[in-house]
């Protein structure tokens, strides 16, 4: 259980901490509302993300998970390698504050629901994690995965909004992202190894 939680945290953190429109707009919102603005953005993000996780879990429940696990591992592993590389490459990018006239809650919903990279992530890498969680924890697997993942978004977006100047975040952002990128690549290799050799490297 602990090993799976650590895997979810490492993979999820690489996505949450990577510079993107949601992080940038959250930074702008933080100048007005502080950490509460970031928390509200997280709630909006959660409103879209939670149903998506359960929807993917439902799709997986229709199919025999044992039959789709290896194809998912191939797709998820390949995306993890790409995502890990992009995470390391993008580590030097700084978050740019952008003005937003929308409410924090609406911003979280809008920038999550219409983010194609978010959807691709959950239907590839995330789908693999959901399938694995169902195998490990049964019917409660999707719920277990949700709570293992969602707190990272709340902590990160609230922190971005709190540190208005971003000086403390940017100072450590590159190192954190490089480390996470390496872990993501290792998990990608592990998924591919499982798909072809039916065992795990990690």
N, C-alpha and C. Protein backbone atom coordinates (compact mmCIF):
# COMPACT_ATOMS: atom_id res chain seq x y z
N UNK A 1 0.82 -1.21 0.00
CA UNK A 1 0.00 0.00 0.00
C UNK A 1 0.86 1.26 0.00
N UNK A 2 1.87 1.28 0.88
CA UNK A 2 2.75 2.45 0.97
C UNK A 2 3.49 2.67 -0.34
N UNK A 3 3.94 1.56 -0.96
CA UNK A 3 4.65 1.68 -2.23
C UNK A 3 3.78 2.31 -3.30
N UNK A 4 2.50 1.91 -3.33
CA UNK A 4 1.59 2.45 -4.33
C UNK A 4 1.32 3.93 -4.06
N UNK A 5 1.13 4.29 -2.80
CA UNK A 5 0.88 5.70 -2.45
C UNK A 5 2.06 6.56 -2.88
N UNK A 6 3.27 6.09 -2.61
CA UNK A 6 4.47 6.84 -2.99
C UNK A 6 4.56 7.00 -4.51
N UNK A 7 4.17 5.95 -5.24
CA UNK A 7 4.17 6.02 -6.70
C UNK A 7 3.17 7.08 -7.17
N UNK A 8 1.96 7.05 -6.61
CA UNK A 8 0.94 8.02 -6.98
C UNK A 8 1.41 9.44 -6.67
N UNK A 9 2.01 9.63 -5.50
CA UNK A 9 2.49 10.96 -5.10
C UNK A 9 3.57 11.46 -6.05
N UNK A 10 4.54 10.59 -6.39
CA UNK A 10 5.64 10.99 -7.27
C UNK A 10 5.13 11.35 -8.66
N UNK A 11 4.27 10.50 -9.22
CA UNK A 11 3.77 10.74 -10.57
C UNK A 11 2.83 11.94 -10.59
N UNK A 12 1.95 12.04 -9.60
CA UNK A 12 0.99 13.14 -9.55
C UNK A 12 1.69 14.47 -9.33
N UNK A 13 2.72 14.48 -8.48
CA UNK A 13 3.44 15.72 -8.19
C UNK A 13 4.11 16.29 -9.42
N UNK A 14 4.61 15.41 -10.28
CA UNK A 14 5.28 15.89 -11.49
C UNK A 14 4.31 16.68 -12.37
N UNK A 15 3.05 16.28 -12.37
CA UNK A 15 2.05 17.00 -13.14
C UNK A 15 1.59 18.26 -12.45
N UNK A 16 1.38 18.16 -11.13
CA UNK A 16 0.87 19.30 -10.38
C UNK A 16 1.87 20.45 -10.33
N UNK A 17 3.16 20.13 -10.18
CA UNK A 17 4.18 21.16 -10.00
C UNK A 17 4.69 21.74 -11.31
N UNK A 18 4.38 21.08 -12.43
CA UNK A 18 4.86 21.58 -13.72
C UNK A 18 4.19 22.91 -14.07
N UNK A 19 4.95 23.86 -14.63
CA UNK A 19 4.35 25.15 -15.00
C UNK A 19 3.24 24.96 -16.03
N UNK A 20 2.14 25.66 -15.86
CA UNK A 20 1.03 25.55 -16.77
C UNK A 20 0.04 26.67 -16.54
N UNK A 21 -1.01 26.74 -17.36
CA UNK A 21 -1.97 27.83 -17.24
C UNK A 21 -2.67 27.88 -15.89
N UNK A 22 -3.00 26.71 -15.32
CA UNK A 22 -3.68 26.70 -14.03
C UNK A 22 -2.79 27.27 -12.93
N UNK A 23 -1.52 26.88 -12.95
CA UNK A 23 -0.58 27.40 -11.95
C UNK A 23 -0.36 28.89 -12.13
N UNK A 24 -0.24 29.33 -13.38
CA UNK A 24 0.02 30.75 -13.65
C UNK A 24 -1.14 31.63 -13.21
N UNK A 25 -2.36 31.23 -13.55
CA UNK A 25 -3.53 32.02 -13.17
C UNK A 25 -3.73 31.98 -11.66
N UNK A 26 -3.43 30.85 -11.05
CA UNK A 26 -3.53 30.75 -9.59
C UNK A 26 -2.60 31.74 -8.92
N UNK A 27 -1.41 31.92 -9.51
CA UNK A 27 -0.46 32.89 -8.97
C UNK A 27 -1.05 34.30 -9.01
N UNK A 28 -1.72 34.61 -10.10
CA UNK A 28 -2.34 35.93 -10.24
C UNK A 28 -3.47 36.11 -9.23
N UNK A 29 -4.25 35.06 -9.05
CA UNK A 29 -5.36 35.11 -8.09
C UNK A 29 -4.82 35.29 -6.67
N UNK A 30 -3.67 34.69 -6.40
CA UNK A 30 -3.08 34.78 -5.07
C UNK A 30 -2.70 36.19 -4.66
N UNK A 31 -2.43 37.06 -5.64
CA UNK A 31 -2.09 38.44 -5.31
C UNK A 31 -3.27 39.17 -4.68
N UNK A 32 -4.46 38.69 -4.93
CA UNK A 32 -5.66 39.34 -4.39
C UNK A 32 -6.25 38.58 -3.21
N UNK A 33 -6.23 37.24 -3.29
CA UNK A 33 -6.95 36.46 -2.29
C UNK A 33 -6.07 35.57 -1.43
N UNK A 34 -4.75 35.56 -1.67
CA UNK A 34 -3.87 34.74 -0.86
C UNK A 34 -4.13 33.25 -1.06
N UNK A 35 -3.80 32.44 -0.04
CA UNK A 35 -3.91 30.99 -0.17
C UNK A 35 -5.36 30.55 -0.37
N UNK A 36 -6.31 31.33 0.13
CA UNK A 36 -7.72 30.96 -0.03
C UNK A 36 -8.10 30.93 -1.51
N UNK A 37 -7.53 31.85 -2.30
CA UNK A 37 -7.79 31.85 -3.73
C UNK A 37 -7.30 30.56 -4.37
N UNK A 38 -6.10 30.12 -3.98
CA UNK A 38 -5.56 28.87 -4.50
C UNK A 38 -6.39 27.67 -4.08
N UNK A 39 -6.89 27.73 -2.85
CA UNK A 39 -7.73 26.63 -2.36
C UNK A 39 -9.03 26.55 -3.18
N UNK A 40 -9.60 27.70 -3.49
CA UNK A 40 -10.84 27.73 -4.29
C UNK A 40 -10.58 27.20 -5.70
N UNK A 41 -9.42 27.55 -6.27
CA UNK A 41 -9.06 27.01 -7.60
C UNK A 41 -8.97 25.49 -7.52
N UNK A 42 -8.40 24.98 -6.42
CA UNK A 42 -8.28 23.53 -6.24
C UNK A 42 -9.63 22.86 -6.16
N UNK A 43 -10.59 23.52 -5.51
CA UNK A 43 -11.94 22.97 -5.43
C UNK A 43 -12.54 22.85 -6.83
N UNK A 44 -12.36 23.90 -7.65
CA UNK A 44 -12.85 23.86 -9.02
C UNK A 44 -12.19 22.75 -9.81
N UNK A 45 -10.88 22.58 -9.63
CA UNK A 45 -10.14 21.50 -10.28
C UNK A 45 -10.69 20.14 -9.85
N UNK A 46 -10.97 20.02 -8.57
CA UNK A 46 -11.49 18.76 -8.00
C UNK A 46 -12.87 18.42 -8.57
N UNK A 47 -13.70 19.44 -8.77
CA UNK A 47 -15.06 19.24 -9.28
C UNK A 47 -15.02 18.54 -10.64
N UNK A 48 -14.00 18.83 -11.44
CA UNK A 48 -13.86 18.19 -12.75
C UNK A 48 -13.12 16.86 -12.63
N UNK A 49 -12.08 16.84 -11.81
CA UNK A 49 -11.20 15.69 -11.76
C UNK A 49 -11.84 14.46 -11.12
N UNK A 50 -12.56 14.64 -10.01
CA UNK A 50 -13.14 13.50 -9.29
C UNK A 50 -14.10 12.69 -10.17
N UNK A 51 -15.07 13.33 -10.83
CA UNK A 51 -15.96 12.54 -11.71
C UNK A 51 -15.20 11.84 -12.84
N UNK A 52 -14.15 12.49 -13.34
CA UNK A 52 -13.38 11.89 -14.42
C UNK A 52 -12.70 10.60 -13.95
N UNK A 53 -12.16 10.62 -12.75
CA UNK A 53 -11.51 9.44 -12.20
C UNK A 53 -12.50 8.29 -12.07
N UNK A 54 -13.69 8.59 -11.54
CA UNK A 54 -14.70 7.54 -11.38
C UNK A 54 -15.25 7.07 -12.73
N UNK A 55 -15.30 7.97 -13.70
CA UNK A 55 -15.74 7.58 -15.04
C UNK A 55 -14.76 6.60 -15.67
N UNK A 56 -13.47 6.91 -15.55
CA UNK A 56 -12.45 6.01 -16.09
C UNK A 56 -12.49 4.67 -15.36
N UNK A 57 -12.69 4.72 -14.04
CA UNK A 57 -12.79 3.48 -13.25
C UNK A 57 -13.99 2.65 -13.72
N UNK A 58 -15.09 3.33 -14.05
CA UNK A 58 -16.28 2.63 -14.54
C UNK A 58 -15.99 1.95 -15.88
N UNK A 59 -15.31 2.67 -16.77
CA UNK A 59 -14.95 2.08 -18.07
C UNK A 59 -14.08 0.85 -17.88
N UNK A 60 -13.16 0.93 -16.92
CA UNK A 60 -12.28 -0.20 -16.67
C UNK A 60 -13.04 -1.37 -16.06
N UNK A 61 -14.08 -1.07 -15.26
CA UNK A 61 -14.85 -2.14 -14.63
C UNK A 61 -15.67 -2.92 -15.65
N UNK A 62 -16.01 -2.27 -16.76
CA UNK A 62 -16.76 -2.96 -17.82
C UNK A 62 -15.88 -4.00 -18.49
N UNK A 63 -14.63 -3.61 -18.73
CA UNK A 63 -13.68 -4.55 -19.33
C UNK A 63 -13.03 -5.36 -18.22
N UNK A 64 -12.43 -6.47 -18.58
CA UNK A 64 -11.67 -7.26 -17.62
C UNK A 64 -10.33 -6.55 -17.43
N UNK A 65 -10.10 -6.07 -16.22
CA UNK A 65 -8.90 -5.27 -15.97
C UNK A 65 -7.63 -6.06 -16.29
N UNK A 66 -7.67 -7.36 -16.01
CA UNK A 66 -6.47 -8.16 -16.29
C UNK A 66 -6.11 -8.14 -17.78
N UNK A 67 -7.14 -8.00 -18.63
CA UNK A 67 -6.91 -7.99 -20.07
C UNK A 67 -6.42 -6.64 -20.59
N UNK A 68 -6.78 -5.58 -19.88
CA UNK A 68 -6.40 -4.24 -20.36
C UNK A 68 -5.20 -3.68 -19.60
N UNK A 69 -4.78 -4.35 -18.54
CA UNK A 69 -3.71 -3.81 -17.71
C UNK A 69 -2.40 -3.67 -18.48
N UNK A 70 -2.05 -4.69 -19.25
CA UNK A 70 -0.77 -4.63 -19.97
C UNK A 70 -0.80 -3.61 -21.12
N UNK A 71 -1.88 -3.57 -21.92
CA UNK A 71 -1.94 -2.49 -22.92
C UNK A 71 -1.89 -1.11 -22.27
N UNK A 72 -2.60 -0.95 -21.13
CA UNK A 72 -2.55 0.32 -20.42
C UNK A 72 -1.13 0.61 -19.93
N UNK A 73 -0.45 -0.43 -19.48
CA UNK A 73 0.92 -0.24 -18.98
C UNK A 73 1.85 0.23 -20.10
N UNK A 74 1.62 -0.28 -21.32
CA UNK A 74 2.44 0.16 -22.46
C UNK A 74 2.17 1.63 -22.77
N UNK A 75 0.87 1.97 -22.86
CA UNK A 75 0.51 3.37 -23.16
C UNK A 75 0.95 4.29 -22.02
N UNK A 76 0.62 3.88 -20.79
CA UNK A 76 1.00 4.70 -19.64
C UNK A 76 2.50 4.83 -19.49
N UNK A 77 3.21 3.73 -19.70
CA UNK A 77 4.68 3.77 -19.59
C UNK A 77 5.30 4.70 -20.61
N UNK A 78 4.80 4.62 -21.86
CA UNK A 78 5.32 5.49 -22.91
C UNK A 78 5.06 6.96 -22.59
N UNK A 79 3.84 7.26 -22.11
CA UNK A 79 3.52 8.64 -21.75
C UNK A 79 4.35 9.11 -20.56
N UNK A 80 4.63 8.20 -19.63
CA UNK A 80 5.45 8.57 -18.48
C UNK A 80 6.87 8.95 -18.91
N UNK A 81 7.41 8.20 -19.86
CA UNK A 81 8.75 8.55 -20.37
C UNK A 81 8.74 9.93 -21.02
N UNK A 82 7.72 10.18 -21.83
CA UNK A 82 7.60 11.50 -22.48
C UNK A 82 7.38 12.58 -21.45
N UNK A 83 6.46 12.31 -20.51
CA UNK A 83 6.11 13.31 -19.50
C UNK A 83 7.30 13.60 -18.59
N UNK A 84 8.06 12.54 -18.25
CA UNK A 84 9.25 12.75 -17.42
C UNK A 84 10.28 13.62 -18.12
N UNK A 85 10.48 13.35 -19.41
CA UNK A 85 11.42 14.16 -20.19
C UNK A 85 10.96 15.62 -20.26
N UNK A 86 9.68 15.82 -20.53
CA UNK A 86 9.15 17.18 -20.63
C UNK A 86 9.21 17.89 -19.27
N UNK A 87 9.03 17.14 -18.20
CA UNK A 87 9.11 17.72 -16.86
C UNK A 87 10.51 18.23 -16.58
N UNK A 88 11.52 17.43 -16.94
CA UNK A 88 12.92 17.85 -16.74
C UNK A 88 13.26 19.02 -17.65
N UNK A 89 12.82 18.94 -18.90
CA UNK A 89 13.11 20.01 -19.86
C UNK A 89 12.45 21.32 -19.45
N UNK A 90 11.26 21.23 -18.90
CA UNK A 90 10.54 22.44 -18.53
C UNK A 90 10.85 22.94 -17.14
N UNK A 91 11.83 22.31 -16.47
CA UNK A 91 12.13 22.70 -15.09
C UNK A 91 12.62 24.14 -14.98
N UNK A 92 13.23 24.64 -16.03
CA UNK A 92 13.78 26.00 -15.97
C UNK A 92 12.73 27.07 -16.25
N UNK A 93 11.52 26.66 -16.67
CA UNK A 93 10.49 27.64 -16.96
C UNK A 93 9.91 28.20 -15.67
N UNK A 94 9.75 29.49 -15.60
CA UNK A 94 9.18 30.13 -14.43
C UNK A 94 7.69 30.34 -14.61
N UNK A 95 6.99 30.34 -13.50
CA UNK A 95 5.57 30.63 -13.56
C UNK A 95 5.38 32.11 -13.84
N UNK A 96 4.51 32.43 -14.77
CA UNK A 96 4.25 33.82 -15.10
C UNK A 96 2.85 34.19 -14.63
N UNK A 97 2.78 35.20 -13.80
CA UNK A 97 1.48 35.63 -13.30
C UNK A 97 0.67 36.24 -14.43
N UNK A 98 -0.57 35.82 -14.54
CA UNK A 98 -1.45 36.35 -15.57
C UNK A 98 -2.72 36.83 -14.89
N UNK A 99 -3.27 37.91 -15.38
CA UNK A 99 -4.48 38.46 -14.80
C UNK A 99 -5.67 37.58 -15.14
N UNK A 100 -6.57 37.45 -14.18
CA UNK A 100 -7.78 36.67 -14.40
C UNK A 100 -8.96 37.41 -13.79
N UNK A 101 -10.00 37.59 -14.58
CA UNK A 101 -11.20 38.26 -14.10
C UNK A 101 -12.26 37.27 -13.63
N UNK A 102 -11.96 35.97 -13.74
CA UNK A 102 -12.91 34.95 -13.32
C UNK A 102 -12.76 34.68 -11.83
N UNK A 103 -13.79 34.11 -11.25
CA UNK A 103 -13.71 33.69 -9.86
C UNK A 103 -12.74 32.52 -9.76
N UNK A 104 -12.07 32.34 -8.61
CA UNK A 104 -11.13 31.22 -8.46
C UNK A 104 -11.78 29.87 -8.73
N UNK A 105 -12.99 29.67 -8.23
CA UNK A 105 -13.68 28.40 -8.43
C UNK A 105 -13.93 28.14 -9.91
N UNK A 106 -14.44 29.14 -10.61
CA UNK A 106 -14.72 29.00 -12.03
C UNK A 106 -13.43 28.80 -12.82
N UNK A 107 -12.38 29.48 -12.39
CA UNK A 107 -11.07 29.33 -13.05
C UNK A 107 -10.60 27.88 -12.96
N UNK A 108 -10.73 27.29 -11.75
CA UNK A 108 -10.32 25.90 -11.57
C UNK A 108 -11.10 24.95 -12.46
N UNK A 109 -12.41 25.19 -12.57
CA UNK A 109 -13.25 24.34 -13.42
C UNK A 109 -12.90 24.51 -14.89
N UNK A 110 -12.80 25.76 -15.32
CA UNK A 110 -12.58 26.06 -16.74
C UNK A 110 -11.23 25.56 -17.23
N UNK A 111 -10.17 25.89 -16.48
CA UNK A 111 -8.83 25.53 -16.94
C UNK A 111 -8.52 24.04 -16.77
N UNK A 112 -9.37 23.34 -16.04
CA UNK A 112 -9.22 21.89 -15.93
C UNK A 112 -10.02 21.19 -17.03
N UNK A 113 -11.27 21.57 -17.16
CA UNK A 113 -12.16 20.90 -18.12
C UNK A 113 -11.71 21.07 -19.57
N UNK A 114 -11.07 22.20 -19.87
CA UNK A 114 -10.68 22.47 -21.26
C UNK A 114 -9.16 22.40 -21.46
N UNK A 115 -8.52 21.62 -20.60
CA UNK A 115 -7.08 21.41 -20.73
C UNK A 115 -6.85 20.03 -21.38
N UNK A 116 -6.49 19.98 -22.66
CA UNK A 116 -6.33 18.68 -23.34
C UNK A 116 -5.24 17.83 -22.73
N UNK A 117 -4.19 18.47 -22.20
CA UNK A 117 -3.10 17.70 -21.60
C UNK A 117 -3.56 17.00 -20.32
N UNK A 118 -4.47 17.65 -19.59
CA UNK A 118 -5.04 17.06 -18.39
C UNK A 118 -5.82 15.79 -18.75
N UNK A 119 -6.65 15.88 -19.79
CA UNK A 119 -7.46 14.74 -20.21
C UNK A 119 -6.59 13.60 -20.74
N UNK A 120 -5.58 13.96 -21.53
CA UNK A 120 -4.68 12.93 -22.06
C UNK A 120 -3.95 12.23 -20.92
N UNK A 121 -3.53 13.00 -19.91
CA UNK A 121 -2.81 12.44 -18.76
C UNK A 121 -3.68 11.40 -18.05
N UNK A 122 -4.95 11.73 -17.80
CA UNK A 122 -5.80 10.81 -17.05
C UNK A 122 -6.21 9.60 -17.87
N UNK A 123 -6.34 9.75 -19.18
CA UNK A 123 -6.72 8.60 -20.00
C UNK A 123 -5.52 7.75 -20.39
N UNK A 124 -4.34 8.13 -19.98
CA UNK A 124 -3.15 7.33 -20.28
C UNK A 124 -2.45 6.95 -18.97
N UNK A 125 -1.66 7.86 -18.43
CA UNK A 125 -0.93 7.59 -17.19
C UNK A 125 -1.90 7.36 -16.04
N UNK A 126 -2.87 8.27 -15.90
CA UNK A 126 -3.83 8.15 -14.82
C UNK A 126 -4.65 6.87 -14.92
N UNK A 127 -5.01 6.50 -16.14
CA UNK A 127 -5.78 5.27 -16.33
C UNK A 127 -5.03 4.04 -15.84
N UNK A 128 -3.73 4.04 -16.05
CA UNK A 128 -2.91 2.93 -15.57
C UNK A 128 -2.91 2.88 -14.05
N UNK A 129 -2.79 4.03 -13.42
CA UNK A 129 -2.82 4.10 -11.95
C UNK A 129 -4.18 3.66 -11.41
N UNK A 130 -5.25 4.07 -12.08
CA UNK A 130 -6.59 3.69 -11.64
C UNK A 130 -6.76 2.17 -11.73
N UNK A 131 -6.33 1.59 -12.85
CA UNK A 131 -6.42 0.14 -13.02
C UNK A 131 -5.63 -0.59 -11.95
N UNK A 132 -4.44 -0.09 -11.66
CA UNK A 132 -3.61 -0.72 -10.64
C UNK A 132 -4.26 -0.62 -9.26
N UNK A 133 -4.87 0.54 -8.98
CA UNK A 133 -5.52 0.74 -7.68
C UNK A 133 -6.71 -0.19 -7.52
N UNK A 134 -7.45 -0.44 -8.60
CA UNK A 134 -8.60 -1.35 -8.54
C UNK A 134 -8.14 -2.78 -8.29
N UNK A 135 -7.04 -3.18 -8.93
CA UNK A 135 -6.49 -4.52 -8.72
C UNK A 135 -6.05 -4.68 -7.26
N UNK A 136 -5.45 -3.63 -6.70
CA UNK A 136 -4.92 -3.71 -5.34
C UNK A 136 -6.01 -3.58 -4.27
N UNK A 137 -6.99 -2.71 -4.52
CA UNK A 137 -7.94 -2.38 -3.46
C UNK A 137 -9.40 -2.64 -3.82
N UNK A 138 -9.64 -3.26 -4.96
CA UNK A 138 -10.99 -3.64 -5.33
C UNK A 138 -11.88 -2.46 -5.67
N UNK A 139 -13.14 -2.52 -5.25
CA UNK A 139 -14.12 -1.50 -5.60
C UNK A 139 -13.77 -0.13 -5.04
N UNK A 140 -13.01 -0.10 -3.97
CA UNK A 140 -12.62 1.18 -3.36
C UNK A 140 -11.34 1.73 -3.96
N UNK A 141 -10.82 1.07 -4.99
CA UNK A 141 -9.55 1.47 -5.58
C UNK A 141 -9.55 2.89 -6.11
N UNK A 142 -10.61 3.25 -6.86
CA UNK A 142 -10.68 4.59 -7.44
C UNK A 142 -10.74 5.66 -6.35
N UNK A 143 -11.50 5.36 -5.28
CA UNK A 143 -11.60 6.31 -4.17
C UNK A 143 -10.25 6.45 -3.46
N UNK A 144 -9.57 5.32 -3.29
CA UNK A 144 -8.24 5.34 -2.66
C UNK A 144 -7.26 6.17 -3.49
N UNK A 145 -7.31 5.98 -4.80
CA UNK A 145 -6.43 6.74 -5.68
C UNK A 145 -6.75 8.23 -5.62
N UNK A 146 -8.04 8.55 -5.61
CA UNK A 146 -8.45 9.95 -5.58
C UNK A 146 -7.87 10.67 -4.38
N UNK A 147 -7.99 10.07 -3.20
CA UNK A 147 -7.49 10.73 -1.99
C UNK A 147 -5.97 10.70 -1.90
N UNK A 148 -5.34 9.72 -2.56
CA UNK A 148 -3.87 9.69 -2.60
C UNK A 148 -3.33 10.79 -3.50
N UNK A 149 -4.17 11.22 -4.46
CA UNK A 149 -3.72 12.18 -5.46
C UNK A 149 -4.16 13.62 -5.17
N UNK A 150 -5.41 13.79 -4.76
CA UNK A 150 -6.03 15.12 -4.79
C UNK A 150 -5.41 16.12 -3.82
N UNK A 151 -4.87 15.64 -2.69
CA UNK A 151 -4.33 16.57 -1.70
C UNK A 151 -3.12 17.33 -2.25
N UNK A 152 -2.43 16.72 -3.22
CA UNK A 152 -1.25 17.38 -3.81
C UNK A 152 -1.67 18.65 -4.53
N UNK A 153 -2.78 18.59 -5.28
CA UNK A 153 -3.28 19.78 -5.98
C UNK A 153 -3.65 20.88 -5.00
N UNK A 154 -4.31 20.51 -3.92
CA UNK A 154 -4.73 21.50 -2.93
C UNK A 154 -3.52 22.17 -2.27
N UNK A 155 -2.53 21.37 -1.90
CA UNK A 155 -1.34 21.92 -1.25
C UNK A 155 -0.57 22.82 -2.20
N UNK A 156 -0.36 22.35 -3.45
CA UNK A 156 0.47 23.10 -4.39
C UNK A 156 -0.18 24.41 -4.82
N UNK A 157 -1.44 24.36 -5.22
CA UNK A 157 -2.11 25.56 -5.70
C UNK A 157 -2.32 26.57 -4.57
N UNK A 158 -2.58 26.08 -3.37
CA UNK A 158 -2.71 26.98 -2.22
C UNK A 158 -1.36 27.64 -1.91
N UNK A 159 -0.27 26.86 -2.06
CA UNK A 159 1.07 27.41 -1.80
C UNK A 159 1.43 28.47 -2.83
N UNK A 160 1.11 28.21 -4.10
CA UNK A 160 1.38 29.19 -5.16
C UNK A 160 0.66 30.50 -4.85
N UNK A 161 -0.61 30.39 -4.47
CA UNK A 161 -1.39 31.59 -4.18
C UNK A 161 -0.87 32.31 -2.95
N UNK A 162 -0.35 31.56 -2.00
CA UNK A 162 0.15 32.17 -0.76
C UNK A 162 1.43 32.96 -1.00
N UNK A 163 2.37 32.35 -1.71
CA UNK A 163 3.62 33.03 -1.99
C UNK A 163 3.45 33.91 -3.23
N UNK A 164 2.84 35.05 -3.03
CA UNK A 164 2.49 35.94 -4.12
C UNK A 164 3.67 36.28 -5.01
N UNK A 165 4.79 36.55 -4.43
CA UNK A 165 5.97 36.94 -5.22
C UNK A 165 6.57 35.74 -5.95
N UNK A 166 6.24 34.53 -5.51
CA UNK A 166 6.75 33.27 -6.08
C UNK A 166 8.25 33.07 -5.86
N UNK A 167 8.88 33.96 -5.16
CA UNK A 167 10.33 33.87 -5.01
C UNK A 167 10.76 32.58 -4.33
N UNK A 168 10.03 32.16 -3.32
CA UNK A 168 10.41 30.94 -2.61
C UNK A 168 10.15 29.71 -3.46
N UNK A 169 9.09 29.75 -4.24
CA UNK A 169 8.77 28.59 -5.06
C UNK A 169 9.76 28.42 -6.21
N UNK A 170 10.04 29.51 -6.91
CA UNK A 170 10.91 29.44 -8.08
C UNK A 170 12.31 28.99 -7.68
N UNK A 171 12.74 29.37 -6.47
CA UNK A 171 14.07 29.01 -6.02
C UNK A 171 14.27 27.50 -5.99
N UNK A 172 13.24 26.76 -5.60
CA UNK A 172 13.36 25.31 -5.47
C UNK A 172 12.65 24.54 -6.59
N UNK A 173 11.94 25.26 -7.44
CA UNK A 173 11.10 24.61 -8.43
C UNK A 173 11.90 23.73 -9.39
N UNK A 174 13.03 24.23 -9.89
CA UNK A 174 13.80 23.49 -10.88
C UNK A 174 14.32 22.18 -10.30
N UNK A 175 14.89 22.23 -9.10
CA UNK A 175 15.43 21.02 -8.48
C UNK A 175 14.35 19.99 -8.24
N UNK A 176 13.20 20.45 -7.72
CA UNK A 176 12.08 19.54 -7.44
C UNK A 176 11.60 18.87 -8.72
N UNK A 177 11.44 19.66 -9.79
CA UNK A 177 10.92 19.12 -11.04
C UNK A 177 11.89 18.13 -11.68
N UNK A 178 13.19 18.41 -11.60
CA UNK A 178 14.18 17.48 -12.15
C UNK A 178 14.12 16.14 -11.42
N UNK A 179 14.05 16.19 -10.09
CA UNK A 179 13.97 14.96 -9.29
C UNK A 179 12.71 14.19 -9.63
N UNK A 180 11.58 14.90 -9.69
CA UNK A 180 10.32 14.25 -10.02
C UNK A 180 10.34 13.67 -11.43
N UNK A 181 10.94 14.40 -12.37
CA UNK A 181 11.04 13.92 -13.74
C UNK A 181 11.80 12.61 -13.82
N UNK A 182 12.87 12.49 -13.05
CA UNK A 182 13.65 11.25 -13.03
C UNK A 182 12.81 10.10 -12.49
N UNK A 183 12.08 10.37 -11.39
CA UNK A 183 11.22 9.33 -10.83
C UNK A 183 10.14 8.90 -11.81
N UNK A 184 9.56 9.88 -12.52
CA UNK A 184 8.51 9.57 -13.50
C UNK A 184 9.05 8.66 -14.60
N UNK A 185 10.26 8.95 -15.08
CA UNK A 185 10.89 8.12 -16.11
C UNK A 185 11.12 6.70 -15.58
N UNK A 186 11.56 6.58 -14.33
CA UNK A 186 11.78 5.26 -13.74
C UNK A 186 10.47 4.47 -13.66
N UNK A 187 9.39 5.14 -13.27
CA UNK A 187 8.10 4.46 -13.22
C UNK A 187 7.62 4.08 -14.62
N UNK A 188 7.92 4.92 -15.61
CA UNK A 188 7.59 4.59 -16.99
C UNK A 188 8.30 3.33 -17.45
N UNK A 189 9.57 3.23 -17.14
CA UNK A 189 10.34 2.03 -17.48
C UNK A 189 9.79 0.81 -16.76
N UNK A 190 9.35 1.01 -15.51
CA UNK A 190 8.78 -0.09 -14.74
C UNK A 190 7.49 -0.60 -15.37
N UNK A 191 6.63 0.32 -15.83
CA UNK A 191 5.38 -0.07 -16.48
C UNK A 191 5.67 -0.86 -17.77
N UNK A 192 6.61 -0.38 -18.56
CA UNK A 192 6.94 -1.06 -19.81
C UNK A 192 7.54 -2.44 -19.54
N UNK A 193 8.37 -2.53 -18.52
CA UNK A 193 8.97 -3.81 -18.15
C UNK A 193 7.89 -4.81 -17.73
N UNK A 194 6.91 -4.30 -16.97
CA UNK A 194 5.80 -5.16 -16.55
C UNK A 194 5.00 -5.66 -17.75
N UNK A 195 4.76 -4.76 -18.71
CA UNK A 195 3.95 -5.11 -19.88
C UNK A 195 4.59 -6.23 -20.69
N UNK A 196 5.91 -6.23 -20.78
CA UNK A 196 6.59 -7.21 -21.63
C UNK A 196 7.14 -8.42 -20.88
N UNK A 197 7.43 -8.26 -19.58
CA UNK A 197 8.07 -9.35 -18.84
C UNK A 197 7.28 -9.81 -17.63
N UNK A 198 6.09 -9.19 -17.39
CA UNK A 198 5.17 -9.62 -16.34
C UNK A 198 5.78 -9.54 -14.94
N UNK A 199 6.69 -8.62 -14.75
CA UNK A 199 7.25 -8.39 -13.41
C UNK A 199 7.66 -6.92 -13.33
N UNK A 200 8.02 -6.49 -12.15
CA UNK A 200 8.32 -5.06 -11.93
C UNK A 200 9.82 -4.85 -11.66
N UNK A 201 10.31 -3.73 -12.14
CA UNK A 201 11.68 -3.31 -11.83
C UNK A 201 11.74 -2.64 -10.47
N UNK A 202 10.68 -1.89 -10.13
CA UNK A 202 10.64 -1.16 -8.87
C UNK A 202 9.70 -1.86 -7.89
